[in-house]
Amino acid sequence: MGIPSIIISNVLQKKYRLKYVMVFGMVLTVAGTALSPFADSRGKYWGFAFPGLLLGASGVTVVFTTSNIAVVKVTPPQIAGTVGTTSGEVYHGGPTGYSGRAAGFWFLFALVCLLALCRLVFIKNTIPPVKKNVEEEKEKMAAFETSRDVEDGSS
């Protein structure tokens, strides 16, 4: 459903305001999600699960493609390089430049470094390593196998 959803999204974006296209996508997503709980057996796959999957995936695709366009359209030119990092720019940034896709990767790199540092500094070291008692696990498995054999009547 990806390519047809993108084509439908493109047509709707040219005819309607982006807000309404995103709301339409969300309505499709909600409808698809609403069908999913009723697909509780094999016999209900084609009646509930499959249409729910198609509607949900189509709706999410419409919302995703339209949201990206909306974000770029409302971005001030001063920060367009940073916001538009997912648009496939050909410029290469660096730790001091903020143009193109590279700026997004530098931001991600900095964020991951910051998170690693925060974990190192702020998380308390109170949980010991989980050690398995191998002998105890073997005894449990043997007891389980014995009880299963007794229930089957094969002991």
N, C-alpha and C. Protein backbone atom coordinates (compact mmCIF):
# COMPACT_ATOMS: atom_id res chain seq x y z
N MET A 1 0.82 -1.20 0.00
CA MET A 1 0.00 0.00 0.00
C MET A 1 0.85 1.25 0.00
N GLY A 2 2.15 1.14 0.04
CA GLY A 2 3.01 2.31 0.13
C GLY A 2 2.91 3.22 -1.07
N ILE A 3 3.13 2.68 -2.28
CA ILE A 3 3.14 3.52 -3.47
C ILE A 3 1.76 4.12 -3.75
N PRO A 4 0.67 3.35 -3.71
CA PRO A 4 -0.64 3.99 -3.91
C PRO A 4 -0.96 5.05 -2.86
N SER A 5 -0.53 4.82 -1.63
CA SER A 5 -0.77 5.80 -0.57
C SER A 5 0.01 7.09 -0.81
N ILE A 6 1.22 6.95 -1.31
CA ILE A 6 2.02 8.14 -1.61
C ILE A 6 1.39 8.91 -2.77
N ILE A 7 0.91 8.21 -3.76
CA ILE A 7 0.26 8.87 -4.90
C ILE A 7 -1.00 9.60 -4.44
N ILE A 8 -1.82 8.92 -3.64
CA ILE A 8 -3.04 9.56 -3.10
C ILE A 8 -2.67 10.76 -2.25
N SER A 9 -1.65 10.62 -1.44
CA SER A 9 -1.19 11.72 -0.60
C SER A 9 -0.76 12.91 -1.46
N ASN A 10 -0.04 12.65 -2.51
CA ASN A 10 0.42 13.70 -3.41
C ASN A 10 -0.76 14.43 -4.05
N VAL A 11 -1.74 13.68 -4.51
CA VAL A 11 -2.92 14.29 -5.13
C VAL A 11 -3.68 15.14 -4.11
N LEU A 12 -3.88 14.61 -2.91
CA LEU A 12 -4.61 15.35 -1.88
C LEU A 12 -3.85 16.61 -1.45
N GLN A 13 -2.52 16.53 -1.39
CA GLN A 13 -1.72 17.69 -0.99
C GLN A 13 -1.84 18.83 -1.99
N LYS A 14 -2.10 18.52 -3.24
CA LYS A 14 -2.24 19.55 -4.26
C LYS A 14 -3.63 20.17 -4.27
N LYS A 15 -4.62 19.48 -3.69
CA LYS A 15 -6.00 19.97 -3.73
C LYS A 15 -6.48 20.55 -2.41
N TYR A 16 -5.93 20.10 -1.29
CA TYR A 16 -6.43 20.51 0.02
C TYR A 16 -5.29 21.03 0.88
N ARG A 17 -5.67 21.75 1.93
CA ARG A 17 -4.68 22.22 2.89
C ARG A 17 -4.03 21.01 3.56
N LEU A 18 -2.74 21.17 3.90
CA LEU A 18 -1.99 20.05 4.46
C LEU A 18 -2.59 19.56 5.77
N LYS A 19 -3.15 20.46 6.56
CA LYS A 19 -3.76 20.06 7.83
C LYS A 19 -4.87 19.04 7.58
N TYR A 20 -5.70 19.30 6.57
CA TYR A 20 -6.82 18.40 6.30
C TYR A 20 -6.35 17.08 5.71
N VAL A 21 -5.26 17.10 4.97
CA VAL A 21 -4.70 15.84 4.44
C VAL A 21 -4.17 14.99 5.60
N MET A 22 -3.51 15.64 6.56
CA MET A 22 -3.01 14.90 7.72
C MET A 22 -4.17 14.36 8.57
N VAL A 23 -5.24 15.15 8.71
CA VAL A 23 -6.40 14.68 9.47
C VAL A 23 -7.03 13.49 8.75
N PHE A 24 -7.10 13.54 7.43
CA PHE A 24 -7.62 12.41 6.65
C PHE A 24 -6.77 11.16 6.90
N GLY A 25 -5.45 11.34 6.90
CA GLY A 25 -4.56 10.20 7.17
C GLY A 25 -4.77 9.65 8.57
N MET A 26 -4.98 10.54 9.54
CA MET A 26 -5.23 10.08 10.91
C MET A 26 -6.56 9.34 11.01
N VAL A 27 -7.56 9.80 10.28
CA VAL A 27 -8.86 9.10 10.28
C VAL A 27 -8.69 7.69 9.71
N LEU A 28 -7.92 7.56 8.63
CA LEU A 28 -7.64 6.22 8.09
C LEU A 28 -6.92 5.36 9.11
N THR A 29 -5.95 5.94 9.79
CA THR A 29 -5.18 5.21 10.80
C THR A 29 -6.07 4.77 11.95
N VAL A 30 -6.93 5.66 12.40
CA VAL A 30 -7.86 5.31 13.49
C VAL A 30 -8.81 4.21 13.05
N ALA A 31 -9.31 4.30 11.83
CA ALA A 31 -10.23 3.27 11.33
C ALA A 31 -9.52 1.91 11.26
N GLY A 32 -8.30 1.91 10.76
CA GLY A 32 -7.55 0.66 10.70
C GLY A 32 -7.26 0.08 12.07
N THR A 33 -6.93 0.96 13.00
CA THR A 33 -6.66 0.52 14.36
C THR A 33 -7.92 0.01 15.04
N ALA A 34 -9.05 0.63 14.73
CA ALA A 34 -10.31 0.21 15.34
C ALA A 34 -10.73 -1.18 14.88
N LEU A 35 -10.33 -1.58 13.69
CA LEU A 35 -10.69 -2.92 13.20
C LEU A 35 -9.84 -4.02 13.84
N SER A 36 -8.64 -3.68 14.24
CA SER A 36 -7.70 -4.69 14.74
C SER A 36 -8.19 -5.50 15.94
N PRO A 37 -8.83 -4.90 16.95
CA PRO A 37 -9.25 -5.72 18.09
C PRO A 37 -10.30 -6.79 17.75
N PHE A 38 -11.00 -6.60 16.64
CA PHE A 38 -12.02 -7.56 16.28
C PHE A 38 -11.46 -8.75 15.50
N ALA A 39 -10.20 -8.71 15.14
CA ALA A 39 -9.56 -9.79 14.40
C ALA A 39 -8.98 -10.80 15.39
N ASP A 40 -9.86 -11.45 16.13
CA ASP A 40 -9.42 -12.33 17.21
C ASP A 40 -9.43 -13.81 16.84
N SER A 41 -9.61 -14.12 15.56
CA SER A 41 -9.55 -15.52 15.13
C SER A 41 -9.15 -15.57 13.67
N ARG A 42 -8.80 -16.77 13.22
CA ARG A 42 -8.38 -16.93 11.82
C ARG A 42 -9.48 -16.56 10.84
N GLY A 43 -10.69 -16.87 11.19
CA GLY A 43 -11.82 -16.60 10.30
C GLY A 43 -12.10 -15.12 10.11
N LYS A 44 -11.57 -14.30 10.97
CA LYS A 44 -11.82 -12.86 10.88
C LYS A 44 -10.65 -12.10 10.25
N TYR A 45 -9.68 -12.83 9.70
CA TYR A 45 -8.52 -12.17 9.11
C TYR A 45 -8.91 -11.26 7.96
N TRP A 46 -9.64 -11.82 6.98
CA TRP A 46 -9.97 -11.03 5.79
C TRP A 46 -11.02 -9.96 6.07
N GLY A 47 -11.83 -10.17 7.08
CA GLY A 47 -12.86 -9.19 7.40
C GLY A 47 -12.39 -8.05 8.29
N PHE A 48 -11.37 -8.31 9.11
CA PHE A 48 -10.94 -7.28 10.06
C PHE A 48 -9.43 -6.99 9.99
N ALA A 49 -8.61 -8.01 10.11
CA ALA A 49 -7.16 -7.79 10.18
C ALA A 49 -6.60 -7.20 8.89
N PHE A 50 -6.94 -7.79 7.76
CA PHE A 50 -6.40 -7.31 6.49
C PHE A 50 -6.86 -5.89 6.16
N PRO A 51 -8.17 -5.59 6.22
CA PRO A 51 -8.57 -4.20 5.96
C PRO A 51 -7.99 -3.22 6.99
N GLY A 52 -7.88 -3.67 8.24
CA GLY A 52 -7.29 -2.82 9.26
C GLY A 52 -5.84 -2.50 8.95
N LEU A 53 -5.11 -3.50 8.50
CA LEU A 53 -3.71 -3.30 8.13
C LEU A 53 -3.60 -2.35 6.95
N LEU A 54 -4.43 -2.54 5.94
CA LEU A 54 -4.38 -1.66 4.77
C LEU A 54 -4.73 -0.22 5.12
N LEU A 55 -5.81 -0.05 5.86
CA LEU A 55 -6.22 1.32 6.24
C LEU A 55 -5.18 1.98 7.15
N GLY A 56 -4.71 1.24 8.15
CA GLY A 56 -3.73 1.80 9.08
C GLY A 56 -2.43 2.18 8.40
N ALA A 57 -1.91 1.29 7.57
CA ALA A 57 -0.65 1.57 6.87
C ALA A 57 -0.82 2.72 5.89
N SER A 58 -1.94 2.76 5.21
CA SER A 58 -2.19 3.86 4.27
C SER A 58 -2.29 5.19 5.00
N GLY A 59 -3.01 5.20 6.11
CA GLY A 59 -3.15 6.43 6.88
C GLY A 59 -1.83 6.93 7.42
N VAL A 60 -1.02 6.03 7.95
CA VAL A 60 0.29 6.43 8.48
C VAL A 60 1.18 6.97 7.36
N THR A 61 1.10 6.37 6.19
CA THR A 61 1.90 6.84 5.05
C THR A 61 1.48 8.25 4.64
N VAL A 62 0.18 8.49 4.57
CA VAL A 62 -0.32 9.83 4.23
C VAL A 62 0.14 10.85 5.27
N VAL A 63 0.01 10.51 6.54
CA VAL A 63 0.43 11.43 7.61
C VAL A 63 1.93 11.68 7.54
N PHE A 64 2.71 10.63 7.36
CA PHE A 64 4.17 10.78 7.33
C PHE A 64 4.63 11.67 6.18
N THR A 65 4.14 11.38 4.97
CA THR A 65 4.59 12.17 3.82
C THR A 65 4.12 13.62 3.92
N THR A 66 2.92 13.83 4.39
CA THR A 66 2.39 15.19 4.49
C THR A 66 3.06 15.95 5.64
N SER A 67 3.32 15.29 6.74
CA SER A 67 3.98 15.96 7.87
C SER A 67 5.36 16.46 7.49
N ASN A 68 6.12 15.67 6.75
CA ASN A 68 7.44 16.11 6.32
C ASN A 68 7.36 17.38 5.48
N ILE A 69 6.41 17.43 4.58
CA ILE A 69 6.24 18.62 3.74
C ILE A 69 5.80 19.80 4.59
N ALA A 70 4.89 19.58 5.51
CA ALA A 70 4.39 20.66 6.36
C ALA A 70 5.51 21.23 7.23
N VAL A 71 6.36 20.38 7.76
CA VAL A 71 7.46 20.86 8.61
C VAL A 71 8.41 21.74 7.79
N VAL A 72 8.74 21.31 6.59
CA VAL A 72 9.65 22.08 5.76
C VAL A 72 9.01 23.42 5.34
N LYS A 73 7.71 23.41 5.08
CA LYS A 73 7.03 24.64 4.64
C LYS A 73 6.95 25.70 5.73
N VAL A 74 6.85 25.30 6.98
CA VAL A 74 6.70 26.28 8.06
C VAL A 74 8.02 26.63 8.73
N THR A 75 9.12 26.08 8.25
CA THR A 75 10.42 26.32 8.87
C THR A 75 11.00 27.64 8.39
N PRO A 76 11.45 28.49 9.31
CA PRO A 76 12.12 29.72 8.91
C PRO A 76 13.43 29.41 8.17
N PRO A 77 13.81 30.24 7.21
CA PRO A 77 15.02 29.96 6.43
C PRO A 77 16.29 29.85 7.27
N GLN A 78 16.34 30.52 8.42
CA GLN A 78 17.54 30.51 9.24
C GLN A 78 17.88 29.12 9.77
N ILE A 79 16.88 28.30 9.99
CA ILE A 79 17.13 26.97 10.55
C ILE A 79 16.70 25.85 9.61
N ALA A 80 16.47 26.19 8.35
CA ALA A 80 16.00 25.19 7.39
C ALA A 80 17.01 24.07 7.19
N GLY A 81 18.31 24.37 7.30
CA GLY A 81 19.33 23.32 7.14
C GLY A 81 19.25 22.28 8.22
N THR A 82 18.99 22.73 9.44
CA THR A 82 18.90 21.78 10.55
C THR A 82 17.61 20.99 10.49
N VAL A 83 16.51 21.67 10.22
CA VAL A 83 15.21 21.00 10.18
C VAL A 83 15.09 20.08 8.97
N GLY A 84 15.68 20.48 7.87
CA GLY A 84 15.55 19.70 6.64
C GLY A 84 16.57 18.60 6.48
N THR A 85 17.17 18.15 7.54
CA THR A 85 18.22 17.13 7.42
C THR A 85 17.72 15.82 6.85
N THR A 86 16.45 15.56 6.93
CA THR A 86 15.92 14.32 6.38
C THR A 86 15.56 14.44 4.91
N SER A 87 15.74 15.61 4.33
CA SER A 87 15.31 15.81 2.94
C SER A 87 16.36 15.40 1.92
N GLY A 88 17.53 14.96 2.33
CA GLY A 88 18.53 14.48 1.40
C GLY A 88 19.35 15.59 0.77
N GLU A 89 19.70 16.59 1.53
CA GLU A 89 20.53 17.68 1.02
C GLU A 89 21.88 17.13 0.59
N VAL A 90 22.52 17.81 -0.36
CA VAL A 90 23.83 17.37 -0.82
C VAL A 90 24.97 18.08 -0.11
N TYR A 91 24.68 19.09 0.67
CA TYR A 91 25.73 19.81 1.39
C TYR A 91 26.20 18.97 2.56
N HIS A 92 27.45 19.11 2.90
CA HIS A 92 28.00 18.37 4.02
C HIS A 92 28.38 19.33 5.13
N GLY A 93 27.83 19.10 6.29
CA GLY A 93 28.13 19.95 7.44
C GLY A 93 29.26 19.35 8.25
N GLY A 94 29.36 19.76 9.45
CA GLY A 94 30.38 19.24 10.35
C GLY A 94 30.05 19.70 11.74
N PRO A 95 30.98 19.57 12.66
CA PRO A 95 30.69 19.98 14.03
C PRO A 95 30.37 21.47 14.15
N THR A 96 30.86 22.28 13.19
CA THR A 96 30.59 23.72 13.26
C THR A 96 29.63 24.19 12.18
N GLY A 97 29.27 23.34 11.23
CA GLY A 97 28.35 23.74 10.16
C GLY A 97 26.99 23.10 10.37
N TYR A 98 25.97 23.78 9.92
CA TYR A 98 24.61 23.27 10.12
C TYR A 98 23.86 23.19 8.81
N SER A 99 24.47 22.69 7.79
CA SER A 99 23.76 22.56 6.53
C SER A 99 23.79 21.10 6.09
N GLY A 100 22.71 20.69 5.48
CA GLY A 100 22.64 19.36 4.91
C GLY A 100 22.36 18.26 5.92
N ARG A 101 22.40 17.05 5.41
CA ARG A 101 22.10 15.88 6.23
C ARG A 101 23.12 15.66 7.33
N ALA A 102 24.35 16.04 7.09
CA ALA A 102 25.40 15.79 8.07
C ALA A 102 25.10 16.47 9.39
N ALA A 103 24.42 17.62 9.35
CA ALA A 103 24.09 18.32 10.60
C ALA A 103 23.19 17.44 11.47
N GLY A 104 22.27 16.74 10.85
CA GLY A 104 21.40 15.84 11.61
C GLY A 104 22.18 14.71 12.25
N PHE A 105 23.16 14.18 11.52
CA PHE A 105 23.96 13.10 12.07
C PHE A 105 24.87 13.60 13.19
N TRP A 106 25.41 14.81 13.04
CA TRP A 106 26.22 15.38 14.12
C TRP A 106 25.36 15.61 15.35
N PHE A 107 24.12 16.07 15.13
CA PHE A 107 23.21 16.26 16.26
C PHE A 107 22.94 14.93 16.95
N LEU A 108 22.67 13.89 16.15
CA LEU A 108 22.42 12.56 16.71
C LEU A 108 23.64 12.05 17.48
N PHE A 109 24.81 12.25 16.91
CA PHE A 109 26.05 11.85 17.58
C PHE A 109 26.19 12.55 18.93
N ALA A 110 25.95 13.86 18.94
CA ALA A 110 26.06 14.63 20.19
C ALA A 110 25.03 14.17 21.21
N LEU A 111 23.82 13.90 20.75
CA LEU A 111 22.76 13.45 21.66
C LEU A 111 23.10 12.10 22.27
N VAL A 112 23.60 11.18 21.46
CA VAL A 112 23.97 9.85 21.98
C VAL A 112 25.12 9.97 22.96
N CYS A 113 26.09 10.84 22.67
CA CYS A 113 27.19 11.05 23.61
C CYS A 113 26.68 11.62 24.93
N LEU A 114 25.77 12.58 24.84
CA LEU A 114 25.20 13.18 26.05
C LEU A 114 24.44 12.13 26.86
N LEU A 115 23.65 11.30 26.20
CA LEU A 115 22.90 10.26 26.90
C LEU A 115 23.83 9.24 27.56
N ALA A 116 24.89 8.88 26.86
CA ALA A 116 25.85 7.94 27.45
C ALA A 116 26.52 8.55 28.68
N LEU A 117 26.88 9.82 28.59
CA LEU A 117 27.49 10.51 29.72
C LEU A 117 26.51 10.59 30.90
N CYS A 118 25.25 10.92 30.61
CA CYS A 118 24.24 10.99 31.67
C CYS A 118 24.05 9.64 32.35
N ARG A 119 24.05 8.56 31.56
CA ARG A 119 23.91 7.23 32.17
C ARG A 119 25.11 6.92 33.05
N LEU A 120 26.28 7.29 32.58
CA LEU A 120 27.48 7.03 33.35
C LEU A 120 27.47 7.79 34.67
N VAL A 121 27.00 9.03 34.65
CA VAL A 121 27.07 9.90 35.83
C VAL A 121 25.87 9.71 36.76
N PHE A 122 24.68 9.64 36.21
CA PHE A 122 23.48 9.75 37.03
C PHE A 122 22.81 8.43 37.41
N ILE A 123 23.04 7.36 36.70
CA ILE A 123 22.40 6.10 37.05
C ILE A 123 23.20 5.43 38.15
N LYS A 124 22.49 5.07 39.22
CA LYS A 124 23.16 4.42 40.35
C LYS A 124 23.47 2.98 40.01
N ASN A 125 24.57 2.52 40.52
CA ASN A 125 25.01 1.15 40.27
C ASN A 125 24.53 0.26 41.41
N THR A 126 23.23 0.04 41.50
CA THR A 126 22.67 -0.73 42.61
C THR A 126 22.19 -2.11 42.22
N ILE A 127 22.04 -2.38 40.95
CA ILE A 127 21.52 -3.68 40.52
C ILE A 127 22.69 -4.58 40.17
N PRO A 128 22.83 -5.70 40.88
CA PRO A 128 23.94 -6.61 40.60
C PRO A 128 23.69 -7.38 39.30
N PRO A 129 24.73 -7.96 38.74
CA PRO A 129 24.54 -8.79 37.54
C PRO A 129 23.63 -9.98 37.85
N VAL A 130 22.85 -10.37 36.85
CA VAL A 130 21.96 -11.51 37.02
C VAL A 130 22.77 -12.77 36.76
N LYS A 131 22.88 -13.60 37.78
CA LYS A 131 23.62 -14.85 37.65
C LYS A 131 22.64 -16.00 37.75
N LYS A 132 22.74 -16.91 36.81
CA LYS A 132 21.88 -18.08 36.81
C LYS A 132 22.55 -19.21 37.57
N ASN A 133 21.74 -19.88 38.34
CA ASN A 133 22.21 -21.09 38.99
C ASN A 133 21.88 -22.24 38.04
N VAL A 134 22.88 -22.74 37.35
CA VAL A 134 22.70 -23.74 36.31
C VAL A 134 22.10 -25.03 36.88
N GLU A 135 22.58 -25.47 38.02
CA GLU A 135 22.08 -26.71 38.62
C GLU A 135 20.60 -26.59 38.97
N GLU A 136 20.22 -25.42 39.52
CA GLU A 136 18.81 -25.19 39.87
C GLU A 136 17.93 -25.20 38.63
N GLU A 137 18.41 -24.61 37.53
CA GLU A 137 17.66 -24.59 36.27
C GLU A 137 17.49 -26.02 35.72
N LYS A 138 18.53 -26.85 35.83
CA LYS A 138 18.45 -28.23 35.36
C LYS A 138 17.42 -29.01 36.16
N GLU A 139 17.39 -28.80 37.48
CA GLU A 139 16.42 -29.48 38.33
C GLU A 139 14.99 -29.07 37.98
N LYS A 140 14.77 -27.79 37.73
CA LYS A 140 13.44 -27.30 37.35
C LYS A 140 12.99 -27.93 36.03
N MET A 141 13.90 -27.99 35.05
CA MET A 141 13.57 -28.57 33.75
C MET A 141 13.25 -30.06 33.88
N ALA A 142 14.02 -30.76 34.70
CA ALA A 142 13.77 -32.18 34.90
C ALA A 142 12.42 -32.40 35.57
N ALA A 143 12.10 -31.57 36.56
CA ALA A 143 10.80 -31.69 37.24
C ALA A 143 9.67 -31.38 36.27
N PHE A 144 9.85 -30.41 35.41
CA PHE A 144 8.83 -30.06 34.42
C PHE A 144 8.62 -31.21 33.44
N GLU A 145 9.71 -31.78 32.94
CA GLU A 145 9.60 -32.90 32.01
C GLU A 145 8.91 -34.09 32.66
N THR A 146 9.23 -34.37 33.93
CA THR A 146 8.60 -35.47 34.65
C THR A 146 7.12 -35.23 34.81
N SER A 147 6.73 -34.02 35.18
CA SER A 147 5.30 -33.73 35.36
C SER A 147 4.56 -33.79 34.04
N ARG A 148 5.20 -33.39 32.96
CA ARG A 148 4.56 -33.44 31.65
C ARG A 148 4.38 -34.89 31.20
N ASP A 149 5.37 -35.73 31.49
CA ASP A 149 5.27 -37.15 31.13
C ASP A 149 4.15 -37.82 31.93
N VAL A 150 3.99 -37.46 33.21
CA VAL A 150 2.95 -38.04 34.05
C VAL A 150 1.57 -37.63 33.52
N GLU A 151 1.42 -36.37 33.11
CA GLU A 151 0.13 -35.90 32.58
C GLU A 151 -0.21 -36.60 31.28
N ASP A 152 0.79 -36.88 30.46
CA ASP A 152 0.55 -37.57 29.18
C ASP A 152 0.31 -39.05 29.39
N GLY A 153 0.65 -39.59 30.55
CA GLY A 153 0.45 -41.00 30.85
C GLY A 153 1.55 -41.86 30.25
N SER A 154 2.67 -41.25 29.92
CA SER A 154 3.74 -42.01 29.28
C SER A 154 4.87 -42.35 30.23
N SER A 155 4.68 -42.27 31.54
CA SER A 155 5.79 -42.57 32.44
C SER A 155 5.82 -43.99 32.90
